[in-house]
Amino acid sequence: MENKSSYIKTDDNTFINEQNIVWMKQMNDCLRVGTVETGSLWNTYKICKFNSLHSYDKLYDKIKHNENTTK
């Protein structure tokens, strides 16, 4: 099985690996995303619908899918 990395563009034009995302919080038309990258180094990023529509939609779909499967 192939392990493909998928990257998300953040509002500050950095790219994060989707596999490193450990939490997401929706705030109106933005998402706050927390990642763990090397060891225990935590980073947070903002992804807004207006600035990064493709990334926002991709992560928002994951949140909605997760909500629907946990009910």
C-alpha atoms as a PDB file:
ATOM      1  CA  MET A   1       0.000   0.000   0.000  1.00  0.00           C
ATOM      2  CA  GLU A   2       1.293   3.410  -0.981  1.00  0.00           C
ATOM      3  CA  ASN A   3       1.491   6.176   1.633  1.00  0.00           C
ATOM      4  CA  LYS A   4       0.786   9.436  -0.229  1.00  0.00           C
ATOM      5  CA  SER A   5       1.234  12.751   1.509  1.00  0.00           C
ATOM      6  CA  SER A   6      -1.433  15.368   1.009  1.00  0.00           C
ATOM      7  CA  TYR A   7      -0.690  19.015   1.768  1.00  0.00           C
ATOM      8  CA  ILE A   8      -2.941  21.892   2.771  1.00  0.00           C
ATOM      9  CA  LYS A   9      -2.113  25.546   2.062  1.00  0.00           C
ATOM     10  CA  THR A  10      -2.577  27.881   5.030  1.00  0.00           C
ATOM     11  CA  ASP A  11      -3.395  31.595   5.073  1.00  0.00           C
ATOM     12  CA  ASP A  12       0.257  32.530   5.581  1.00  0.00           C
ATOM     13  CA  ASN A  13       1.220  30.601   2.403  1.00  0.00           C
ATOM     14  CA  THR A  14       2.848  27.675   4.167  1.00  0.00           C
ATOM     15  CA  PHE A  15       1.963  24.075   3.434  1.00  0.00           C
ATOM     16  CA  ILE A  16       1.182  21.492   6.103  1.00  0.00           C
ATOM     17  CA  ASN A  17       0.972  17.730   5.770  1.00  0.00           C
ATOM     18  CA  GLU A  18      -2.595  16.549   6.401  1.00  0.00           C
ATOM     19  CA  GLN A  19      -1.251  13.572   8.350  1.00  0.00           C
ATOM     20  CA  ASN A  20       0.212  15.958  10.954  1.00  0.00           C
ATOM     21  CA  ILE A  21      -3.154  17.556  11.811  1.00  0.00           C
ATOM     22  CA  VAL A  22      -4.265  16.591  15.317  1.00  0.00           C
ATOM     23  CA  TRP A  23      -7.190  18.970  15.826  1.00  0.00           C
ATOM     24  CA  MET A  24      -9.367  21.488  13.975  1.00  0.00           C
ATOM     25  CA  LYS A  25     -11.726  24.135  15.276  1.00  0.00           C
ATOM     26  CA  GLN A  26     -14.237  26.023  13.163  1.00  0.00           C
ATOM     27  CA  MET A  27     -14.507  29.775  13.757  1.00  0.00           C
ATOM     28  CA  ASN A  28     -17.120  31.328  11.416  1.00  0.00           C
ATOM     29  CA  ASP A  29     -15.572  31.133   7.917  1.00  0.00           C
ATOM     30  CA  CYS A  30     -12.123  30.123   9.214  1.00  0.00           C
ATOM     31  CA  LEU A  31     -10.555  26.986  10.629  1.00  0.00           C
ATOM     32  CA  ARG A  32      -7.873  26.898  13.316  1.00  0.00           C
ATOM     33  CA  VAL A  33      -5.690  23.839  12.733  1.00  0.00           C
ATOM     34  CA  GLY A  34      -3.215  22.297  15.167  1.00  0.00           C
ATOM     35  CA  THR A  35      -0.365  20.091  14.001  1.00  0.00           C
ATOM     36  CA  VAL A  36       2.419  18.065  15.540  1.00  0.00           C
ATOM     37  CA  GLU A  37       5.380  17.928  13.203  1.00  0.00           C
ATOM     38  CA  THR A  38       8.635  16.817  14.787  1.00  0.00           C
ATOM     39  CA  GLY A  39       8.578  15.204  18.183  1.00  0.00           C
ATOM     40  CA  SER A  40       6.223  17.211  20.340  1.00  0.00           C
ATOM     41  CA  LEU A  41       6.489  20.553  18.536  1.00  0.00           C
ATOM     42  CA  TRP A  42       2.970  22.008  18.210  1.00  0.00           C
ATOM     43  CA  ASN A  43       2.032  24.561  15.568  1.00  0.00           C
ATOM     44  CA  THR A  44      -1.277  26.253  14.861  1.00  0.00           C
ATOM     45  CA  TYR A  45      -2.443  27.682  11.558  1.00  0.00           C
ATOM     46  CA  LYS A  46      -5.420  29.610  10.274  1.00  0.00           C
ATOM     47  CA  ILE A  47      -7.215  28.628   7.078  1.00  0.00           C
ATOM     48  CA  CYS A  48     -10.005  30.969   6.001  1.00  0.00           C
ATOM     49  CA  LYS A  49     -12.551  30.456   3.271  1.00  0.00           C
ATOM     50  CA  PHE A  50     -11.740  33.822   1.712  1.00  0.00           C
ATOM     51  CA  ASN A  51      -7.944  33.302   1.578  1.00  0.00           C
ATOM     52  CA  SER A  52      -7.598  29.554   0.919  1.00  0.00           C
ATOM     53  CA  LEU A  53     -10.907  28.284  -0.467  1.00  0.00           C
ATOM     54  CA  HIS A  54      -9.633  24.900  -1.701  1.00  0.00           C
ATOM     55  CA  SER A  55      -7.899  24.061   1.595  1.00  0.00           C
ATOM     56  CA  TYR A  56     -10.848  25.307   3.653  1.00  0.00           C
ATOM     57  CA  ASP A  57     -13.348  23.225   1.666  1.00  0.00           C
ATOM     58  CA  LYS A  58     -11.184  20.108   1.892  1.00  0.00           C
ATOM     59  CA  LEU A  59     -10.847  20.316   5.685  1.00  0.00           C
ATOM     60  CA  TYR A  60     -14.441  21.453   6.236  1.00  0.00           C
ATOM     61  CA  ASP A  61     -15.655  18.358   4.373  1.00  0.00           C
ATOM     62  CA  LYS A  62     -13.605  16.208   6.753  1.00  0.00           C
ATOM     63  CA  ILE A  63     -15.157  17.934   9.774  1.00  0.00           C
ATOM     64  CA  LYS A  64     -18.676  17.462   8.424  1.00  0.00           C
ATOM     65  CA  HIS A  65     -17.972  13.825   7.506  1.00  0.00           C
ATOM     66  CA  ASN A  66     -16.651  13.158  11.016  1.00  0.00           C
ATOM     67  CA  GLU A  67     -19.724  14.790  12.622  1.00  0.00           C
ATOM     68  CA  ASN A  68     -22.048  12.665  10.516  1.00  0.00           C
ATOM     69  CA  THR A  69     -20.306   9.391  11.419  1.00  0.00           C
ATOM     70  CA  THR A  70     -20.208  10.088  15.168  1.00  0.00           C
ATOM     71  CA  LYS A  71     -23.951  10.781  15.574  1.00  0.00           C
END
